[in-house]
Amino acid sequence: MKAQFFYLLTFLFLPIFSAAAGPRGPLLGGWQPIKNVKDPHVKEIGEFAVSEYNKTSKASLKFQNVVKGETQVVSGTNYRLVVVAEDGGVTKNYQAIVWEKPWENFKKLTSFTPVKA
């Protein structure tokens, strides 16, 4: 009887412990690295970020390229990019966060800050 009880407990709890100890995938809603920052859509998001920043801040940054990026799936996609832009002949890095919902043709710059060297 004790052996049957032991086997019953083992078969009930083994899947739970196995799942808890198994390999973990990406965290749902977490940031995932962009594998190809030269992708045309990523470049488009970077250009959009610089353009929107210029409109709201009266700046005249010139987009150069994207050097790093991550995405986060929300109601749409957040892009967290490090973009290189020229500011009066000086090249600087900025972190831009853009929220995109392509099915609504919607993009919004939610953050744009200089990256400290």
N, C-alpha and C. Protein backbone atom coordinates (compact mmCIF):
# COMPACT_ATOMS: atom_id res chain seq x y z
N MET A 1 0.82 -1.20 0.00
CA MET A 1 0.00 0.00 0.00
C MET A 1 0.86 1.26 0.00
N LYS A 2 1.95 1.23 0.82
CA LYS A 2 2.82 2.39 0.87
C LYS A 2 3.51 2.61 -0.47
N ALA A 3 3.88 1.53 -1.13
CA ALA A 3 4.55 1.64 -2.43
C ALA A 3 3.60 2.26 -3.46
N GLN A 4 2.34 1.87 -3.44
CA GLN A 4 1.38 2.43 -4.38
C GLN A 4 1.18 3.93 -4.13
N PHE A 5 1.12 4.30 -2.87
CA PHE A 5 0.97 5.71 -2.51
C PHE A 5 2.18 6.51 -3.00
N PHE A 6 3.38 5.96 -2.83
CA PHE A 6 4.61 6.61 -3.28
C PHE A 6 4.59 6.81 -4.80
N TYR A 7 4.20 5.76 -5.54
CA TYR A 7 4.14 5.86 -7.00
C TYR A 7 3.09 6.89 -7.44
N LEU A 8 1.98 6.92 -6.75
CA LEU A 8 0.94 7.88 -7.08
C LEU A 8 1.45 9.31 -6.90
N LEU A 9 2.10 9.57 -5.77
CA LEU A 9 2.66 10.90 -5.53
C LEU A 9 3.73 11.26 -6.57
N THR A 10 4.56 10.28 -6.88
CA THR A 10 5.62 10.52 -7.86
C THR A 10 5.02 10.92 -9.21
N PHE A 11 4.04 10.20 -9.67
CA PHE A 11 3.45 10.49 -10.98
C PHE A 11 2.63 11.78 -10.97
N LEU A 12 2.13 12.16 -9.82
CA LEU A 12 1.38 13.42 -9.74
C LEU A 12 2.31 14.63 -9.73
N PHE A 13 3.42 14.54 -8.99
CA PHE A 13 4.27 15.71 -8.80
C PHE A 13 5.46 15.79 -9.75
N LEU A 14 5.85 14.69 -10.35
CA LEU A 14 7.00 14.70 -11.25
C LEU A 14 6.83 15.69 -12.41
N PRO A 15 5.68 15.73 -13.08
CA PRO A 15 5.54 16.71 -14.17
C PRO A 15 5.65 18.16 -13.68
N ILE A 16 5.16 18.43 -12.50
CA ILE A 16 5.23 19.79 -11.96
C ILE A 16 6.68 20.18 -11.70
N PHE A 17 7.43 19.30 -11.05
CA PHE A 17 8.83 19.61 -10.76
C PHE A 17 9.67 19.66 -12.02
N SER A 18 9.36 18.82 -12.99
CA SER A 18 10.10 18.82 -14.26
C SER A 18 9.88 20.13 -15.00
N ALA A 19 8.66 20.60 -15.02
CA ALA A 19 8.36 21.85 -15.72
C ALA A 19 9.05 23.02 -15.04
N ALA A 20 9.08 23.01 -13.72
CA ALA A 20 9.71 24.10 -12.97
C ALA A 20 11.21 24.12 -13.18
N ALA A 21 11.83 22.97 -13.40
CA ALA A 21 13.28 22.90 -13.53
C ALA A 21 13.74 22.93 -14.98
N GLY A 22 12.83 22.85 -15.93
CA GLY A 22 13.19 22.77 -17.34
C GLY A 22 13.72 24.08 -17.89
N PRO A 23 14.18 24.05 -19.14
CA PRO A 23 14.70 25.26 -19.77
C PRO A 23 13.59 26.28 -19.92
N ARG A 24 13.98 27.52 -19.78
CA ARG A 24 13.00 28.59 -19.85
C ARG A 24 13.17 29.37 -21.14
N GLY A 25 12.07 29.68 -21.77
CA GLY A 25 12.08 30.49 -22.98
C GLY A 25 12.05 31.96 -22.59
N PRO A 26 11.85 32.81 -23.56
CA PRO A 26 11.79 34.24 -23.27
C PRO A 26 10.61 34.56 -22.37
N LEU A 27 10.81 35.51 -21.51
CA LEU A 27 9.77 35.97 -20.60
C LEU A 27 8.69 36.67 -21.40
N LEU A 28 7.44 36.26 -21.22
CA LEU A 28 6.34 36.87 -21.93
C LEU A 28 6.30 38.36 -21.62
N GLY A 29 6.28 39.18 -22.64
CA GLY A 29 6.26 40.63 -22.44
C GLY A 29 7.63 41.21 -22.17
N GLY A 30 8.67 40.38 -22.13
CA GLY A 30 10.03 40.86 -21.89
C GLY A 30 10.67 41.37 -23.17
N TRP A 31 11.78 42.07 -23.03
CA TRP A 31 12.51 42.60 -24.16
C TRP A 31 13.34 41.49 -24.81
N GLN A 32 13.29 41.41 -26.13
CA GLN A 32 14.04 40.43 -26.91
C GLN A 32 14.98 41.16 -27.87
N PRO A 33 16.24 40.74 -27.97
CA PRO A 33 17.17 41.43 -28.86
C PRO A 33 16.74 41.32 -30.33
N ILE A 34 16.99 42.38 -31.07
CA ILE A 34 16.77 42.36 -32.51
C ILE A 34 18.03 41.77 -33.14
N LYS A 35 17.86 40.72 -33.89
CA LYS A 35 19.01 40.02 -34.46
C LYS A 35 19.66 40.79 -35.60
N ASN A 36 18.87 41.51 -36.39
CA ASN A 36 19.40 42.24 -37.54
C ASN A 36 18.96 43.69 -37.48
N VAL A 37 19.81 44.55 -36.91
CA VAL A 37 19.46 45.97 -36.80
C VAL A 37 19.54 46.69 -38.14
N LYS A 38 20.03 46.01 -39.17
CA LYS A 38 20.08 46.60 -40.51
C LYS A 38 18.81 46.29 -41.31
N ASP A 39 17.88 45.58 -40.70
CA ASP A 39 16.61 45.28 -41.35
C ASP A 39 15.93 46.60 -41.75
N PRO A 40 15.38 46.69 -42.96
CA PRO A 40 14.76 47.94 -43.41
C PRO A 40 13.66 48.46 -42.48
N HIS A 41 12.88 47.56 -41.88
CA HIS A 41 11.82 48.02 -40.98
C HIS A 41 12.40 48.62 -39.70
N VAL A 42 13.47 48.04 -39.19
CA VAL A 42 14.13 48.59 -38.00
C VAL A 42 14.69 49.98 -38.32
N LYS A 43 15.30 50.11 -39.49
CA LYS A 43 15.82 51.41 -39.93
C LYS A 43 14.67 52.43 -40.03
N GLU A 44 13.54 52.00 -40.58
CA GLU A 44 12.38 52.88 -40.69
C GLU A 44 11.91 53.36 -39.31
N ILE A 45 11.90 52.46 -38.33
CA ILE A 45 11.51 52.84 -36.97
C ILE A 45 12.50 53.85 -36.40
N GLY A 46 13.80 53.63 -36.63
CA GLY A 46 14.83 54.57 -36.17
C GLY A 46 14.68 55.94 -36.80
N GLU A 47 14.43 55.97 -38.10
CA GLU A 47 14.22 57.24 -38.81
C GLU A 47 12.99 57.96 -38.27
N PHE A 48 11.93 57.19 -38.03
CA PHE A 48 10.71 57.77 -37.46
C PHE A 48 11.00 58.41 -36.11
N ALA A 49 11.76 57.71 -35.27
CA ALA A 49 12.07 58.22 -33.93
C ALA A 49 12.79 59.56 -34.00
N VAL A 50 13.79 59.65 -34.85
CA VAL A 50 14.56 60.90 -34.98
C VAL A 50 13.67 62.00 -35.54
N SER A 51 12.87 61.68 -36.55
CA SER A 51 11.97 62.67 -37.14
C SER A 51 10.96 63.20 -36.13
N GLU A 52 10.35 62.30 -35.36
CA GLU A 52 9.38 62.73 -34.34
C GLU A 52 10.04 63.56 -33.25
N TYR A 53 11.24 63.16 -32.85
CA TYR A 53 11.97 63.94 -31.84
C TYR A 53 12.23 65.35 -32.37
N ASN A 54 12.65 65.45 -33.61
CA ASN A 54 12.90 66.77 -34.20
C ASN A 54 11.65 67.63 -34.20
N LYS A 55 10.49 67.05 -34.50
CA LYS A 55 9.23 67.81 -34.53
C LYS A 55 8.86 68.35 -33.16
N THR A 56 9.02 67.52 -32.14
CA THR A 56 8.56 67.92 -30.80
C THR A 56 9.57 68.77 -30.05
N SER A 57 10.84 68.69 -30.42
CA SER A 57 11.86 69.43 -29.66
C SER A 57 12.48 70.57 -30.45
N LYS A 58 12.06 70.75 -31.68
CA LYS A 58 12.62 71.77 -32.57
C LYS A 58 14.11 71.54 -32.81
N ALA A 59 14.55 70.29 -32.70
CA ALA A 59 15.94 69.92 -32.97
C ALA A 59 16.10 69.64 -34.46
N SER A 60 17.32 69.45 -34.89
CA SER A 60 17.56 69.12 -36.31
C SER A 60 18.56 67.97 -36.41
N LEU A 61 18.28 66.90 -35.68
CA LEU A 61 19.14 65.72 -35.74
C LEU A 61 19.00 65.06 -37.11
N LYS A 62 20.08 64.45 -37.57
CA LYS A 62 20.06 63.71 -38.83
C LYS A 62 20.35 62.24 -38.53
N PHE A 63 19.38 61.40 -38.83
CA PHE A 63 19.50 59.97 -38.58
C PHE A 63 20.68 59.40 -39.37
N GLN A 64 21.47 58.54 -38.70
CA GLN A 64 22.58 57.85 -39.36
C GLN A 64 22.28 56.35 -39.49
N ASN A 65 22.09 55.68 -38.34
CA ASN A 65 21.80 54.24 -38.36
C ASN A 65 21.36 53.77 -36.98
N VAL A 66 20.96 52.50 -36.92
CA VAL A 66 20.60 51.83 -35.67
C VAL A 66 21.75 50.90 -35.32
N VAL A 67 22.25 50.99 -34.07
CA VAL A 67 23.37 50.14 -33.68
C VAL A 67 22.97 49.00 -32.75
N LYS A 68 21.80 49.11 -32.14
CA LYS A 68 21.35 48.08 -31.19
C LYS A 68 19.84 48.21 -31.06
N GLY A 69 19.18 47.09 -30.77
CA GLY A 69 17.75 47.18 -30.60
C GLY A 69 17.15 45.97 -29.92
N GLU A 70 15.97 46.21 -29.34
CA GLU A 70 15.19 45.16 -28.68
C GLU A 70 13.73 45.41 -29.01
N THR A 71 12.95 44.35 -28.97
CA THR A 71 11.51 44.49 -29.14
C THR A 71 10.79 43.88 -27.95
N GLN A 72 9.59 44.39 -27.73
CA GLN A 72 8.73 43.89 -26.66
C GLN A 72 7.32 43.82 -27.22
N VAL A 73 6.71 42.65 -27.13
CA VAL A 73 5.35 42.49 -27.63
C VAL A 73 4.39 42.97 -26.55
N VAL A 74 3.60 43.96 -26.91
CA VAL A 74 2.55 44.50 -26.04
C VAL A 74 1.29 44.51 -26.90
N SER A 75 0.45 45.49 -26.77
CA SER A 75 -0.64 45.66 -27.72
C SER A 75 -0.02 46.32 -28.95
N GLY A 76 0.67 45.52 -29.71
CA GLY A 76 1.55 46.00 -30.78
C GLY A 76 2.97 45.62 -30.39
N THR A 77 3.93 46.43 -30.82
CA THR A 77 5.33 46.16 -30.52
C THR A 77 6.02 47.43 -30.06
N ASN A 78 6.76 47.33 -28.95
CA ASN A 78 7.66 48.40 -28.55
C ASN A 78 9.03 48.09 -29.13
N TYR A 79 9.66 49.10 -29.70
CA TYR A 79 11.03 49.00 -30.19
C TYR A 79 11.88 49.88 -29.30
N ARG A 80 12.91 49.31 -28.70
CA ARG A 80 13.88 50.09 -27.92
C ARG A 80 15.18 50.04 -28.71
N LEU A 81 15.50 51.16 -29.33
CA LEU A 81 16.64 51.22 -30.24
C LEU A 81 17.70 52.19 -29.74
N VAL A 82 18.95 51.88 -30.04
CA VAL A 82 20.02 52.86 -29.90
C VAL A 82 20.30 53.33 -31.31
N VAL A 83 20.00 54.61 -31.55
CA VAL A 83 20.20 55.19 -32.88
C VAL A 83 21.37 56.16 -32.83
N VAL A 84 22.05 56.25 -33.96
CA VAL A 84 23.13 57.22 -34.11
C VAL A 84 22.56 58.35 -34.96
N ALA A 85 22.72 59.59 -34.46
CA ALA A 85 22.24 60.76 -35.18
C ALA A 85 23.29 61.86 -35.10
N GLU A 86 23.32 62.66 -36.14
CA GLU A 86 24.26 63.78 -36.19
C GLU A 86 23.57 65.02 -35.66
N ASP A 87 24.26 65.72 -34.78
CA ASP A 87 23.73 66.94 -34.17
C ASP A 87 24.75 68.05 -34.40
N GLY A 88 24.53 68.85 -35.42
CA GLY A 88 25.45 69.95 -35.71
C GLY A 88 26.86 69.48 -36.03
N GLY A 89 26.99 68.42 -36.77
CA GLY A 89 28.30 67.89 -37.13
C GLY A 89 28.89 66.91 -36.14
N VAL A 90 28.24 66.75 -34.99
CA VAL A 90 28.71 65.82 -33.96
C VAL A 90 27.79 64.60 -33.94
N THR A 91 28.38 63.42 -34.00
CA THR A 91 27.61 62.18 -33.96
C THR A 91 27.39 61.75 -32.52
N LYS A 92 26.12 61.47 -32.19
CA LYS A 92 25.77 61.06 -30.83
C LYS A 92 24.83 59.86 -30.89
N ASN A 93 24.80 59.10 -29.79
CA ASN A 93 23.88 57.96 -29.65
C ASN A 93 22.69 58.37 -28.80
N TYR A 94 21.52 57.88 -29.18
CA TYR A 94 20.29 58.16 -28.45
C TYR A 94 19.52 56.85 -28.29
N GLN A 95 18.82 56.74 -27.17
CA GLN A 95 17.92 55.60 -26.99
C GLN A 95 16.51 56.07 -27.30
N ALA A 96 15.87 55.38 -28.23
CA ALA A 96 14.51 55.72 -28.64
C ALA A 96 13.60 54.53 -28.38
N ILE A 97 12.42 54.83 -27.86
CA ILE A 97 11.40 53.79 -27.71
C ILE A 97 10.20 54.20 -28.55
N VAL A 98 9.83 53.32 -29.46
CA VAL A 98 8.71 53.57 -30.37
C VAL A 98 7.70 52.44 -30.20
N TRP A 99 6.45 52.84 -30.06
CA TRP A 99 5.35 51.87 -29.97
C TRP A 99 4.68 51.81 -31.34
N GLU A 100 4.54 50.61 -31.88
CA GLU A 100 3.96 50.45 -33.21
C GLU A 100 2.82 49.44 -33.18
N LYS A 101 1.73 49.81 -33.86
CA LYS A 101 0.61 48.89 -34.13
C LYS A 101 0.37 48.94 -35.64
N PRO A 102 1.07 48.07 -36.40
CA PRO A 102 1.00 48.17 -37.85
C PRO A 102 -0.39 47.97 -38.44
N TRP A 103 -1.23 47.17 -37.81
CA TRP A 103 -2.57 46.93 -38.33
C TRP A 103 -3.44 48.18 -38.23
N GLU A 104 -3.02 49.17 -37.42
CA GLU A 104 -3.74 50.45 -37.32
C GLU A 104 -2.96 51.57 -37.99
N ASN A 105 -1.83 51.24 -38.61
CA ASN A 105 -0.93 52.24 -39.18
C ASN A 105 -0.57 53.29 -38.11
N PHE A 106 -0.20 52.80 -36.93
CA PHE A 106 0.06 53.64 -35.75
C PHE A 106 1.50 53.49 -35.30
N LYS A 107 2.16 54.63 -35.09
CA LYS A 107 3.50 54.66 -34.48
C LYS A 107 3.54 55.86 -33.55
N LYS A 108 4.17 55.66 -32.39
CA LYS A 108 4.30 56.76 -31.43
C LYS A 108 5.66 56.68 -30.76
N LEU A 109 6.36 57.81 -30.75
CA LEU A 109 7.62 57.91 -30.03
C LEU A 109 7.29 58.12 -28.56
N THR A 110 7.69 57.20 -27.70
CA THR A 110 7.36 57.32 -26.28
C THR A 110 8.55 57.79 -25.44
N SER A 111 9.76 57.68 -25.99
CA SER A 111 10.94 58.12 -25.24
C SER A 111 12.09 58.36 -26.22
N PHE A 112 12.88 59.40 -25.94
CA PHE A 112 14.07 59.69 -26.77
C PHE A 112 15.06 60.40 -25.87
N THR A 113 16.14 59.71 -25.51
CA THR A 113 17.11 60.28 -24.58
C THR A 113 18.54 60.01 -25.06
N PRO A 114 19.45 60.95 -24.77
CA PRO A 114 20.86 60.70 -25.12
C PRO A 114 21.41 59.52 -24.32
N VAL A 115 22.28 58.76 -24.96
CA VAL A 115 22.96 57.66 -24.29
C VAL A 115 24.30 58.20 -23.80
N LYS A 116 24.55 58.04 -22.52
CA LYS A 116 25.81 58.52 -21.96
C LYS A 116 26.96 57.64 -22.43
N ALA A 117 28.04 58.29 -22.83
CA ALA A 117 29.21 57.55 -23.33
C ALA A 117 29.96 56.86 -22.23
